[in-house]
């Protein structure tokens, strides 16, 4: 594969180039794909043959209305159609959620799927990013996340379960507890796009709970699960009012004929689909073991159909990505353009064992020098500084990892922009990631960092503080603590459940930010351009613009076995 193919990556923002673009720039044959996270075992070859035989009719005629296709999907998943809205991919639904339901601010853990940060910033919303710490394996602590939301005064909260790119998983009872603690927010979104690949819990989805709550949306993907990213279809589940509001804005023919054909095929292929999910889970375990055997490579636990790995100290992800592509025809997802991540991390999609052996061989040659071009890892290197390519976000990540969320939350509560870091916190021996100050561990003597070759991103520089915009003095209002909020009376109390096997969370009161007195914050209102409301980062600060312009851009009835709405197979009764 020619070297000029790798130039396509420099023209993308938060995503990788499409497979079509890579194929056009190569010799006509695409690489082995470890980048795009979809199911490699579904549809079956027989299903592809059937679609090929019907290709002329599929692409010639209009599809049925979205209501007809949605009704068929709901009959499979046993969901009420009035609680479901189908979109032309989950990104279309994210766009409408942002336009219709996000008024001022949105909180999301990072790193995560890029549209959850980029979409609201593109429409001028404040995005409060809660950095997941490498020192804790990128695990999301829901109590700390809720405390962060309270301190920021955020109105919409997002959780991706499992999270993309690290595959972190949250048990159902913990997510439900978080949803109830955030009952006063405008909206809580649980993105379950990859949940059907999880096997840590029998019924991990919260779709049934979402339909009973006034401010919860569950987002689910079909393209990833069915191995059909190109068809572009996904759906959301919510109470009828929320789902209907989104559905009313969608075009009548927002779903294409391929999507319709696949949805109507599924009732005959439930058993094959369930088997494909089982095989992906087995492959994930095998692939994790093979990658973990590579010296210096760290593999994080995952419940998605991908693995998040940290390269050995001194390895640069863009170099590894380009050499795997040009020398071995292997496409991987380098995560340096994901907010909250860096070029030391790759996301690798789970694939069959024959492809994994090829990947491992390629990594051995690129990382450890068993090829004519030598090793991509410098010998006994101390690593490069943590960098996501965005100076403002780097400061946010280093400040949070160095001092925890409490110092960050205090700065946010004061209504002031995050200060520029006066000095970098202690750096751990892992190569540039800060060590939490609370750990109290002795730090090694600073080592000189080897200079890298010039990269296309600018050198990190302090982000200029925005020019204050004159505003009328806001009247302080008292933010009530969660325990003071009245619980919705319209919804029945859940039946008592036995104690879950997973460790219990802290009591619901732990989701409130502790404070000796009610916190005084400015009254809710639109954020002036370039001014971070309540300490949040604006799109300008994140993307490095001038601050005044928009940022760039339960079983299936019958003999077959079909996964229920939670994505887990159950025998039909």
Protein backbone atom coordinates (compact mmCIF):
# COMPACT_ATOMS: atom_id res chain seq x y z
CA UNK A 1 0.00 0.00 0.00
CA UNK A 2 1.60 3.31 -1.05
CA UNK A 3 2.83 5.77 1.57
CA UNK A 4 0.59 8.57 0.26
CA UNK A 5 -2.45 6.69 1.61
CA UNK A 6 -1.50 7.71 5.15
CA UNK A 7 -1.89 11.37 4.20
CA UNK A 8 -5.66 10.81 4.33
CA UNK A 9 -5.46 10.67 8.12
CA UNK A 10 -4.19 14.23 8.30
CA UNK A 11 -7.37 15.55 6.67
CA UNK A 12 -9.71 14.01 9.25
CA UNK A 13 -10.70 15.68 12.53
CA UNK A 14 -12.05 13.24 15.12
CA UNK A 15 -12.41 10.15 12.96
CA UNK A 16 -10.45 7.96 10.58
CA UNK A 17 -10.83 8.14 6.78
CA UNK A 18 -13.49 5.91 5.27
CA UNK A 19 -12.65 2.52 3.86
CA UNK A 20 -13.83 3.74 0.45
CA UNK A 21 -11.31 6.60 0.53
CA UNK A 22 -8.47 4.28 1.55
CA UNK A 23 -9.37 1.83 -1.19
CA UNK A 24 -9.47 4.55 -3.86
CA UNK A 25 -6.00 5.77 -2.90
CA UNK A 26 -4.48 2.28 -2.83
CA UNK A 27 -4.27 -0.38 -5.50
CA UNK A 28 -7.99 -1.13 -5.22
CA UNK A 29 -7.86 -3.62 -2.35
CA UNK A 30 -8.67 -2.47 1.16
CA UNK A 31 -6.58 -3.35 4.23
CA UNK A 32 -7.45 -5.79 7.02
CA UNK A 33 -9.76 -3.64 9.11
CA UNK A 34 -9.00 -3.38 12.84
CA UNK A 35 -10.42 0.17 12.88
CA UNK A 36 -14.17 0.15 12.19
CA UNK A 37 -15.97 -1.59 15.07
CA UNK A 38 -18.57 -3.84 13.49
CA UNK A 39 -19.52 -7.51 13.76
CA UNK A 40 -17.38 -9.63 11.37
CA UNK A 41 -19.71 -12.66 11.57
CA UNK A 42 -23.03 -11.11 10.60
CA UNK A 43 -24.77 -10.99 8.18
CA UNK A 44 -24.04 -14.56 7.14
CA UNK A 45 -22.79 -15.35 3.61
CA UNK A 46 -26.28 -16.62 2.76
CA UNK A 47 -27.80 -13.30 3.81
CA UNK A 48 -25.34 -11.39 1.64
CA UNK A 49 -26.22 -13.63 -1.31
CA UNK A 50 -29.92 -12.92 -0.76
CA UNK A 51 -29.29 -9.17 -0.65
CA UNK A 52 -27.16 -9.38 -3.79
CA UNK A 53 -29.98 -11.18 -5.61
CA UNK A 54 -32.39 -8.43 -4.61
CA UNK A 55 -29.95 -5.56 -5.25
CA UNK A 56 -31.76 -4.14 -8.28
CA UNK A 57 -35.10 -3.83 -6.49
CA UNK A 58 -33.50 -2.57 -3.27
CA UNK A 59 -31.73 0.37 -4.88
CA UNK A 60 -34.42 1.14 -7.50
CA UNK A 61 -37.49 1.73 -5.33
CA UNK A 62 -38.40 3.91 -2.40
CA UNK A 63 -38.32 2.23 1.00
CA UNK A 64 -41.38 1.99 3.20
CA UNK A 65 -41.96 4.77 5.71
CA UNK A 66 -39.87 4.87 8.85
CA UNK A 67 -42.98 3.99 10.88
CA UNK A 68 -43.35 0.70 8.98
CA UNK A 69 -39.70 -0.26 9.47
CA UNK A 70 -39.79 0.79 13.14
CA UNK A 71 -42.90 -1.33 13.75
CA UNK A 72 -41.14 -4.40 12.35
CA UNK A 73 -38.06 -3.85 14.52
CA UNK A 74 -40.23 -3.32 17.60
CA UNK A 75 -42.06 -6.60 16.96
CA UNK A 76 -38.69 -8.36 17.04
CA UNK A 77 -37.44 -6.63 20.18
CA UNK A 78 -40.85 -6.51 21.88
CA UNK A 79 -40.72 -2.79 22.42
CA UNK A 80 -43.71 -0.44 22.07
CA UNK A 81 -43.31 1.52 18.81
CA UNK A 82 -44.38 4.76 20.48
CA UNK A 83 -41.25 4.54 22.66
CA UNK A 84 -38.84 4.08 19.72
CA UNK A 85 -37.39 6.39 17.07
CA UNK A 86 -35.20 4.97 14.31
CA UNK A 87 -32.54 7.10 12.66
CA UNK A 88 -30.17 7.03 9.74
CA UNK A 89 -27.38 5.94 12.04
CA UNK A 90 -26.97 6.78 15.72
CA UNK A 91 -25.21 10.01 14.73
CA UNK A 92 -28.43 11.35 13.21
CA UNK A 93 -30.17 10.72 16.52
CA UNK A 94 -27.33 12.37 18.45
CA UNK A 95 -27.74 15.42 16.21
CA UNK A 96 -31.47 15.67 16.91
CA UNK A 97 -30.98 15.08 20.64
CA UNK A 98 -28.56 18.01 20.65
CA UNK A 99 -30.85 20.32 18.68
CA UNK A 100 -34.07 19.47 20.51
CA UNK A 101 -33.14 18.52 24.06
CA UNK A 102 -29.76 20.07 24.97
CA UNK A 103 -30.38 23.67 25.94
CA UNK A 104 -27.15 24.96 27.45
CA UNK A 105 -24.68 22.33 28.65
CA UNK A 106 -23.79 18.67 28.39
CA UNK A 107 -21.47 16.52 30.50
CA UNK A 108 -19.64 13.52 29.11
CA UNK A 109 -16.70 11.39 30.28
CA UNK A 110 -13.69 11.53 27.94
CA UNK A 111 -12.28 9.88 25.96
CA UNK A 112 -15.48 8.75 24.28
CA UNK A 113 -17.27 8.72 20.93
CA UNK A 114 -16.34 12.02 19.27
CA UNK A 115 -19.86 13.11 18.33
CA UNK A 116 -20.81 13.43 22.00
CA UNK A 117 -18.23 16.19 22.40
CA UNK A 118 -18.13 17.70 18.91
CA UNK A 119 -21.87 17.86 18.10
CA UNK A 120 -22.94 20.09 21.04
CA UNK A 121 -19.82 22.26 20.69
CA UNK A 122 -20.68 22.86 17.04
CA UNK A 123 -24.04 24.29 18.10
CA UNK A 124 -22.52 26.52 20.79
CA UNK A 125 -23.29 24.41 23.87
CA UNK A 126 -20.95 24.10 26.83
CA UNK A 127 -19.40 20.64 27.07
CA UNK A 128 -18.23 19.68 30.55
CA UNK A 129 -15.70 16.88 30.00
CA UNK A 130 -15.05 14.50 32.88
CA UNK A 131 -11.61 12.95 32.22
CA UNK A 132 -11.29 9.21 32.77
CA UNK A 133 -7.96 8.54 34.43
CA UNK A 134 -5.42 6.13 33.01
CA UNK A 135 -4.27 5.38 36.56
CA UNK A 136 -7.65 3.72 37.23
CA UNK A 137 -7.82 1.91 33.90
CA UNK A 138 -10.21 4.52 32.45
CA UNK A 139 -12.98 3.21 34.73
CA UNK A 140 -15.88 5.62 35.23
CA UNK A 141 -16.69 6.34 38.90
CA UNK A 142 -20.36 7.31 38.77
CA UNK A 143 -20.34 8.98 42.19
CA UNK A 144 -17.47 11.28 41.18
CA UNK A 145 -19.11 11.92 37.82
CA UNK A 146 -22.36 12.94 39.54
CA UNK A 147 -20.42 15.22 41.89
CA UNK A 148 -18.74 16.79 38.86
CA UNK A 149 -22.14 17.38 37.22
CA UNK A 150 -23.52 19.04 40.35
CA UNK A 151 -20.51 21.30 40.72
CA UNK A 152 -20.68 22.38 37.09
CA UNK A 153 -24.44 22.86 37.05
CA UNK A 154 -24.66 20.76 33.89
CA UNK A 155 -28.16 20.13 32.52
CA UNK A 156 -27.58 17.01 30.36
CA UNK A 157 -25.48 13.96 31.25
CA UNK A 158 -24.20 11.27 28.88
CA UNK A 159 -22.90 7.79 29.70
CA UNK A 160 -21.60 5.37 27.06
CA UNK A 161 -21.88 1.77 28.23
CA UNK A 162 -19.60 0.14 27.16
CA UNK A 163 -17.52 3.21 26.52
CA UNK A 164 -15.76 3.81 23.22
CA UNK A 165 -12.72 3.57 22.93
CA UNK A 166 -11.80 1.74 26.17
CA UNK A 167 -14.71 -0.71 26.46
CA UNK A 168 -15.39 0.16 30.12
CA UNK A 169 -18.59 -1.41 31.48
CA UNK A 170 -21.09 -0.32 34.14
CA UNK A 171 -23.49 -2.75 35.80
CA UNK A 172 -27.19 -2.16 35.28
CA UNK A 173 -28.03 -1.43 38.92
CA UNK A 174 -25.34 1.28 39.02
CA UNK A 175 -26.66 2.96 35.88
CA UNK A 176 -30.24 2.91 37.20
CA UNK A 177 -29.10 4.46 40.48
CA UNK A 178 -27.32 7.20 38.53
CA UNK A 179 -30.43 7.85 36.42
CA UNK A 180 -32.55 8.28 39.54
CA UNK A 181 -29.99 10.55 41.21
CA UNK A 182 -30.05 12.76 38.08
CA UNK A 183 -33.86 12.89 37.87
CA UNK A 184 -33.81 16.70 38.02
CA UNK A 185 -31.63 17.13 34.91
CA UNK A 186 -33.09 18.07 31.55
CA UNK A 187 -31.88 14.79 30.08
CA UNK A 188 -29.79 11.69 30.80
CA UNK A 189 -28.55 9.73 27.75
CA UNK A 190 -27.31 6.15 28.07
CA UNK A 191 -25.51 5.23 24.85
CA UNK A 192 -25.66 1.42 24.56
CA UNK A 193 -24.32 1.22 21.01
CA UNK A 194 -21.91 -1.62 21.88
CA UNK A 195 -23.84 -3.29 24.72
CA UNK A 196 -24.83 -6.37 22.75
CA UNK A 197 -21.19 -7.48 22.76
CA UNK A 198 -21.03 -7.44 26.58
CA UNK A 199 -21.13 -10.66 28.59
CA UNK A 200 -20.48 -9.36 32.13
CA UNK A 201 -24.21 -9.36 32.94
CA UNK A 202 -27.18 -11.34 31.64
CA UNK A 203 -29.50 -8.36 31.08
CA UNK A 204 -27.37 -5.20 31.13
CA UNK A 205 -29.64 -2.84 29.18
CA UNK A 206 -31.74 -0.14 30.87
CA UNK A 207 -34.25 0.27 28.03
CA UNK A 208 -37.16 -0.92 30.17
CA UNK A 209 -36.23 1.51 32.95
CA UNK A 210 -35.81 4.37 30.47
CA UNK A 211 -39.38 4.06 29.20
CA UNK A 212 -40.67 4.70 32.75
CA UNK A 213 -38.65 7.86 33.38
CA UNK A 214 -39.37 11.35 32.08
CA UNK A 215 -35.81 12.42 31.22
CA UNK A 216 -33.91 9.32 30.03
CA UNK A 217 -33.01 8.25 26.49
CA UNK A 218 -31.24 4.99 25.62
CA UNK A 219 -29.39 5.04 22.31
CA UNK A 220 -28.69 1.78 20.48
CA UNK A 221 -26.91 0.88 17.25
CA UNK A 222 -27.84 -1.68 14.63
CA UNK A 223 -25.03 -1.14 12.12
CA UNK A 224 -22.30 -2.09 14.61
CA UNK A 225 -24.12 -5.14 15.93
CA UNK A 226 -25.23 -6.41 12.53
CA UNK A 227 -21.91 -5.69 10.82
CA UNK A 228 -23.52 -3.20 8.45
CA UNK A 229 -22.10 0.26 9.14
CA UNK A 230 -22.78 1.35 5.56
CA UNK A 231 -26.54 0.88 5.85
CA UNK A 232 -26.70 3.52 8.63
CA UNK A 233 -29.42 2.63 11.10
CA UNK A 234 -29.85 2.92 14.84
CA UNK A 235 -32.65 3.61 17.27
CA UNK A 236 -33.43 5.27 20.59
CA UNK A 237 -35.79 4.18 23.37
CA UNK A 238 -37.49 6.65 25.73
CA UNK A 239 -40.87 7.50 27.20
CA UNK A 240 -43.47 8.23 24.49
CA UNK A 241 -43.18 12.01 24.89
CA UNK A 242 -39.40 12.12 24.38
CA UNK A 243 -39.36 9.52 21.61
CA UNK A 244 -42.27 11.21 19.86
CA UNK A 245 -40.55 14.60 19.96
CA UNK A 246 -37.50 13.21 18.15
CA UNK A 247 -39.58 11.06 15.79
CA UNK A 248 -41.70 14.05 14.74
CA UNK A 249 -38.59 15.81 13.38
CA UNK A 250 -37.31 12.90 11.29
CA UNK A 251 -38.01 12.74 7.53
CA UNK A 252 -40.60 10.21 6.42
CA UNK A 253 -37.99 8.30 4.41
CA UNK A 254 -34.96 8.76 6.64
CA UNK A 255 -34.29 4.99 6.49
CA UNK A 256 -33.06 3.49 3.24
CA UNK A 257 -34.20 0.36 1.41
CA UNK A 258 -31.18 -1.65 2.52
CA UNK A 259 -32.10 -0.96 6.16
CA UNK A 260 -35.68 -2.04 5.50
CA UNK A 261 -34.59 -5.24 3.77
CA UNK A 262 -32.23 -6.20 6.60
CA UNK A 263 -34.78 -5.49 9.34
CA UNK A 264 -37.34 -7.71 7.62
CA UNK A 265 -34.73 -10.47 7.17
CA UNK A 266 -33.83 -10.58 10.86
CA UNK A 267 -36.79 -12.66 12.00
CA UNK A 268 -35.40 -15.59 10.01
CA UNK A 269 -31.83 -15.25 11.31
CA UNK A 270 -32.04 -14.70 15.05
CA UNK A 271 -30.07 -17.85 15.85
CA UNK A 272 -27.19 -16.87 13.55
CA UNK A 273 -27.11 -13.37 15.04
CA UNK A 274 -26.92 -14.70 18.60
CA UNK A 275 -24.11 -17.05 17.56
CA UNK A 276 -22.18 -14.19 15.97
CA UNK A 277 -22.24 -12.23 19.25
CA UNK A 278 -21.03 -15.30 21.13
CA UNK A 279 -18.13 -15.73 18.69
CA UNK A 280 -17.09 -12.07 19.02
CA UNK A 281 -16.93 -12.47 22.80
CA UNK A 282 -14.72 -15.55 22.46
CA UNK A 283 -12.47 -13.77 19.97
CA UNK A 284 -12.16 -10.80 22.32
CA UNK A 285 -10.74 -13.01 25.06
CA UNK A 286 -8.32 -14.72 22.68
CA UNK A 287 -7.19 -11.44 21.10
CA UNK A 288 -6.63 -9.84 24.49
CA UNK A 289 -4.39 -12.71 25.51
CA UNK A 290 -2.30 -12.54 22.34
CA UNK A 291 -1.81 -8.77 22.55
CA UNK A 292 -0.98 -8.91 26.26
CA UNK A 293 2.00 -11.13 25.46
CA UNK A 294 3.71 -8.32 23.54
CA UNK A 295 6.38 -6.62 25.72
CA UNK A 296 5.37 -3.20 27.00
CA UNK A 297 1.89 -3.29 25.47
CA UNK A 298 -0.98 -2.66 27.92
CA UNK A 299 -4.45 -4.06 27.13
CA UNK A 300 -7.39 -2.63 29.09
CA UNK A 301 -10.44 -4.74 30.03
CA UNK A 302 -13.24 -4.32 27.50
CA UNK A 303 -16.87 -5.34 27.08
CA UNK A 304 -17.12 -3.93 23.56
CA UNK A 305 -16.08 -5.52 20.28
CA UNK A 306 -12.74 -3.69 20.47
CA UNK A 307 -9.71 -3.44 22.75
CA UNK A 308 -8.01 -0.28 23.98
CA UNK A 309 -4.24 -0.69 24.14
CA UNK A 310 -1.37 1.53 25.27
CA UNK A 311 1.75 1.27 23.17
CA UNK A 312 5.16 0.65 24.80
CA UNK A 313 7.01 3.64 26.18
CA UNK A 314 8.51 5.69 23.36
CA UNK A 315 6.15 4.46 20.62
CA UNK A 316 4.28 7.10 18.62
CA UNK A 317 0.83 5.95 17.55
CA UNK A 318 0.77 7.76 14.22
CA UNK A 319 4.05 6.11 13.21
CA UNK A 320 2.78 2.68 14.26
CA UNK A 321 -0.51 3.26 12.40
CA UNK A 322 1.15 4.41 9.19
CA UNK A 323 3.71 1.60 9.13
CA UNK A 324 1.09 -1.07 9.84
CA UNK A 325 -0.93 0.30 6.94
CA UNK A 326 1.86 0.76 4.38
CA UNK A 327 4.00 -2.27 5.28
CA UNK A 328 1.39 -4.80 6.42
CA UNK A 329 -1.95 -3.57 4.97
CA UNK A 330 -3.47 -3.42 8.44
CA UNK A 331 -5.74 -0.51 9.43
CA UNK A 332 -5.86 0.45 13.13
CA UNK A 333 -7.47 3.32 15.04
CA UNK A 334 -4.85 5.65 16.51
CA UNK A 335 -6.53 7.69 19.26
CA UNK A 336 -4.47 10.89 19.36
CA UNK A 337 -7.39 12.91 17.94
CA UNK A 338 -9.80 11.71 20.63
CA UNK A 339 -10.26 14.26 23.38
CA UNK A 340 -8.84 12.82 26.59
CA UNK A 341 -6.61 10.31 24.81
CA UNK A 342 -3.21 10.55 23.13
CA UNK A 343 -1.13 9.02 20.38
CA UNK A 344 0.13 6.35 22.77
CA UNK A 345 -3.21 4.56 22.48
CA UNK A 346 -4.79 2.41 19.79
CA UNK A 347 -8.31 1.00 19.58
CA UNK A 348 -8.24 -2.42 17.93
CA UNK A 349 -11.44 -4.07 16.72
CA UNK A 350 -11.98 -7.72 17.63
CA UNK A 351 -11.49 -9.93 14.59
CA UNK A 352 -11.09 -13.66 13.82
CA UNK A 353 -7.93 -15.39 15.02
CA UNK A 354 -6.31 -15.57 11.58
CA UNK A 355 -6.44 -11.77 11.32
CA UNK A 356 -5.23 -11.32 14.91
CA UNK A 357 -2.12 -13.42 14.18
CA UNK A 358 -1.39 -11.12 11.25
CA UNK A 359 -1.85 -8.06 13.50
CA UNK A 360 0.46 -9.46 16.19
CA UNK A 361 3.14 -10.23 13.62
CA UNK A 362 2.88 -6.71 12.21
CA UNK A 363 3.10 -5.13 15.66
CA UNK A 364 6.17 -7.21 16.50
CA UNK A 365 7.94 -6.03 13.38
CA UNK A 366 6.96 -2.38 13.76
CA UNK A 367 7.48 -2.07 17.52
CA UNK A 368 10.53 -4.21 18.08
CA UNK A 369 12.55 -3.77 14.91
CA UNK A 370 12.25 -7.13 13.19
CA UNK A 371 11.83 -5.41 9.82
CA UNK A 372 14.07 -3.53 7.43
CA UNK A 373 12.94 -0.14 8.76
CA UNK A 374 13.86 -0.86 12.37
CA UNK A 375 11.85 -0.35 15.53
CA UNK A 376 9.29 2.37 16.17
CA UNK A 377 10.10 2.26 19.88
CA UNK A 378 13.20 4.09 21.01
CA UNK A 379 15.44 2.05 23.27
CA UNK A 380 14.94 2.68 26.99
CA UNK A 381 13.02 5.83 26.19
CA UNK A 382 11.33 7.75 28.97
CA UNK A 383 8.27 8.38 26.82
CA UNK A 384 6.76 11.49 25.36
CA UNK A 385 4.63 14.04 27.13
CA UNK A 386 0.90 13.35 27.29
CA UNK A 387 -0.73 15.21 24.43
CA UNK A 388 -4.11 14.96 22.79
CA UNK A 389 -3.20 17.61 20.26
CA UNK A 390 -5.35 20.22 22.01
CA UNK A 391 -3.59 22.37 24.58
CA UNK A 392 -6.70 23.40 26.53
CA UNK A 393 -7.86 19.81 26.91
CA UNK A 394 -4.36 18.68 27.88
CA UNK A 395 -4.45 21.15 30.75
CA UNK A 396 -7.85 19.91 31.80
CA UNK A 397 -6.67 16.28 31.78
CA UNK A 398 -3.43 16.94 33.61
CA UNK A 399 -5.10 19.11 36.22
CA UNK A 400 -7.78 16.53 36.86
CA UNK A 401 -5.42 13.58 37.01
CA UNK A 402 -3.06 15.51 39.23
CA UNK A 403 -5.53 16.92 41.75
CA UNK A 404 -8.71 14.91 41.32
CA UNK A 405 -12.10 16.31 40.39
CA UNK A 406 -12.49 18.33 43.59
CA UNK A 407 -10.09 21.12 42.60
CA UNK A 408 -11.57 21.21 39.12
CA UNK A 409 -15.11 21.34 40.49
CA UNK A 410 -14.22 24.21 42.82
CA UNK A 411 -12.87 26.21 39.89
CA UNK A 412 -16.07 25.46 37.97
CA UNK A 413 -18.34 26.45 40.84
CA UNK A 414 -16.68 29.84 41.10
CA UNK A 415 -17.83 30.66 37.58
CA UNK A 416 -14.28 31.33 36.37
CA UNK A 417 -12.41 29.83 33.41
CA UNK A 418 -10.03 27.04 34.17
CA UNK A 419 -6.62 28.59 34.93
CA UNK A 420 -3.64 27.70 32.84
CA UNK A 421 -1.45 25.15 34.59
CA UNK A 422 1.40 27.00 36.29
CA UNK A 423 3.48 23.87 36.43
CA UNK A 424 3.00 20.33 35.25
CA UNK A 425 2.09 17.80 37.95
CA UNK A 426 4.28 14.87 38.79
CA UNK A 427 4.72 12.44 35.95
CA UNK A 428 4.57 8.73 36.54
CA UNK A 429 7.07 6.24 35.27
CA UNK A 430 4.64 5.01 32.63
CA UNK A 431 5.71 7.73 30.23
CA UNK A 432 3.96 11.03 30.68
CA UNK A 433 0.71 10.28 32.53
CA UNK A 434 0.32 12.28 35.74
CA UNK A 435 0.12 10.40 39.02
CA UNK A 436 -2.78 11.44 41.30
CA UNK A 437 -1.45 13.71 44.02
CA UNK A 438 -3.58 11.97 46.62
CA UNK A 439 -1.61 8.77 46.18
CA UNK A 440 1.36 10.32 47.98
CA UNK A 441 3.82 8.15 46.12
CA UNK A 442 7.48 9.20 45.77
CA UNK A 443 8.14 10.50 42.32
CA UNK A 444 11.21 9.63 40.22
CA UNK A 445 13.71 12.29 39.30
CA UNK A 446 12.69 14.11 36.14
CA UNK A 447 14.24 12.62 33.04
CA UNK A 448 14.93 14.55 29.85
CA UNK A 449 12.32 13.81 27.24
CA UNK A 450 13.77 12.94 23.83
CA UNK A 451 12.82 15.37 21.11
CA UNK A 452 10.46 14.04 18.49
CA UNK A 453 10.35 14.89 14.84
CA UNK A 454 8.12 17.88 14.04
CA UNK A 455 4.45 16.97 14.00
CA UNK A 456 1.61 18.75 12.19
CA UNK A 457 0.08 19.98 15.44
CA UNK A 458 1.31 23.31 16.82
CA UNK A 459 3.50 23.43 19.89
CA UNK A 460 1.41 23.64 23.08
CA UNK A 461 0.97 27.26 24.07
CA UNK A 462 -1.14 28.94 26.70
CA UNK A 463 -4.66 29.49 25.46
CA UNK A 464 -5.49 33.23 25.63
CA UNK A 465 -8.21 34.05 28.07
CA UNK A 466 -11.36 35.31 26.32
CA UNK A 467 -12.21 39.00 26.48
CA UNK A 468 -14.86 39.45 29.17
CA UNK A 469 -18.26 40.31 27.77
CA UNK A 470 -20.18 42.90 29.81
CA UNK A 471 -23.29 41.33 31.27
CA UNK A 472 -25.84 42.35 33.86
CA UNK A 473 -24.92 41.04 37.29
CA UNK A 474 -26.69 37.69 37.69
CA UNK A 475 -28.81 37.05 40.70
CA UNK A 476 -27.43 34.15 42.73
CA UNK A 477 -29.68 31.18 43.10
CA UNK A 478 -29.35 28.24 45.41
CA UNK A 479 -28.81 24.87 43.81
CA UNK A 480 -30.75 22.25 45.83
CA UNK A 481 -29.05 19.05 46.83
CA UNK A 482 -30.40 15.89 45.18
CA UNK A 483 -31.93 14.58 48.41
CA UNK A 484 -34.11 17.70 48.56
CA UNK A 485 -35.62 17.08 45.13
CA UNK A 486 -39.15 15.64 45.04
CA UNK A 487 -39.34 12.24 43.43
CA UNK A 488 -41.76 11.87 40.49
CA UNK A 489 -45.00 10.47 41.84
CA UNK A 490 -46.34 9.28 38.51
CA UNK A 491 -44.10 6.27 38.29
CA UNK A 492 -44.56 3.07 40.32
CA UNK A 493 -41.98 2.06 42.89
CA UNK A 494 -39.79 -0.77 41.58
CA UNK A 495 -40.29 -4.20 43.06
CA UNK A 496 -37.71 -5.21 45.69
CA UNK A 497 -34.70 -6.86 44.11
CA UNK A 498 -32.17 -9.23 45.66
CA UNK A 499 -28.74 -7.79 46.41
CA UNK A 500 -26.67 -7.63 43.19
CA UNK A 501 -23.57 -9.69 42.84
CA UNK A 502 -21.52 -6.62 41.91
CA UNK A 503 -20.16 -4.45 44.75
CA UNK A 504 -22.87 -1.99 45.85
CA UNK A 505 -22.46 1.69 45.10
CA UNK A 506 -22.32 4.37 47.72
CA UNK A 507 -25.71 5.59 49.00
CA UNK A 508 -27.63 7.94 46.74
CA UNK A 509 -26.50 10.87 48.88
CA UNK A 510 -22.98 10.29 47.63
CA UNK A 511 -24.07 11.55 44.23
CA UNK A 512 -24.45 15.05 45.67
CA UNK A 513 -21.43 17.33 45.82
CA UNK A 514 -20.61 17.88 49.51
CA UNK A 515 -20.74 21.53 50.51
CA UNK A 516 -21.05 23.30 53.84
CA UNK A 517 -23.57 25.72 52.36
CA UNK A 518 -25.68 25.89 49.19
CA UNK A 519 -23.48 26.80 46.27
CA UNK A 520 -24.20 30.16 44.68
CA UNK A 521 -24.06 30.09 40.89
CA UNK A 522 -25.24 32.50 38.23
CA UNK A 523 -28.78 32.05 36.97
CA UNK A 524 -29.17 29.82 33.92
CA UNK A 525 -28.88 31.66 30.65
CA UNK A 526 -27.20 31.52 27.27
CA UNK A 527 -23.43 31.53 27.25
CA UNK A 528 -21.94 34.54 25.37
CA UNK A 529 -19.55 33.59 22.55
CA UNK A 530 -16.09 32.78 23.82
CA UNK A 531 -17.05 32.94 27.51
CA UNK A 532 -16.96 29.65 29.47
CA UNK A 533 -20.12 29.56 31.60
CA UNK A 534 -19.52 28.36 35.15
CA UNK A 535 -16.00 27.35 34.34
CA UNK A 536 -16.75 25.07 31.41
CA UNK A 537 -14.58 24.90 28.31
CA UNK A 538 -15.97 26.57 25.23
CA UNK A 539 -15.57 25.12 21.77
CA UNK A 540 -13.06 27.87 21.06
CA UNK A 541 -10.84 26.85 23.96
CA UNK A 542 -11.01 23.20 23.02
CA UNK A 543 -10.37 23.63 19.33
CA UNK A 544 -7.99 26.58 19.59
CA UNK A 545 -10.07 29.06 17.59
CA UNK A 546 -10.37 32.79 18.24
CA UNK A 547 -13.30 32.34 20.62
CA UNK A 548 -15.77 34.17 18.42
CA UNK A 549 -16.37 31.74 15.57
CA UNK A 550 -17.97 28.29 15.37
CA UNK A 551 -15.66 25.35 15.90
CA UNK A 552 -14.79 23.50 12.65
CA UNK A 553 -16.05 20.96 11.82
CA UNK A 554 -37.67 -10.61 25.63
CA UNK A 555 -37.15 -13.09 23.11
CA UNK A 556 -38.45 -13.52 19.61
CA UNK A 557 -41.68 -15.56 19.52
CA UNK A 558 -41.32 -18.79 17.61
CA UNK A 559 -38.80 -21.55 17.18
CA UNK A 560 -35.86 -19.24 16.62
CA UNK A 561 -33.86 -17.66 19.43
CA UNK A 562 -33.66 -13.89 19.19
CA UNK A 563 -31.88 -11.44 21.51
CA UNK A 564 -34.23 -9.31 23.54
CA UNK A 565 -34.11 -5.53 23.83
CA UNK A 566 -31.14 -5.83 26.16
CA UNK A 567 -29.22 -7.59 23.41
CA UNK A 568 -28.92 -10.91 25.20
CA UNK A 569 -30.33 -14.13 23.75
CA UNK A 570 -33.15 -15.91 25.54
CA UNK A 571 -34.97 -19.02 24.53
CA UNK A 572 -38.46 -18.32 23.29
CA UNK A 573 -41.20 -19.46 25.60
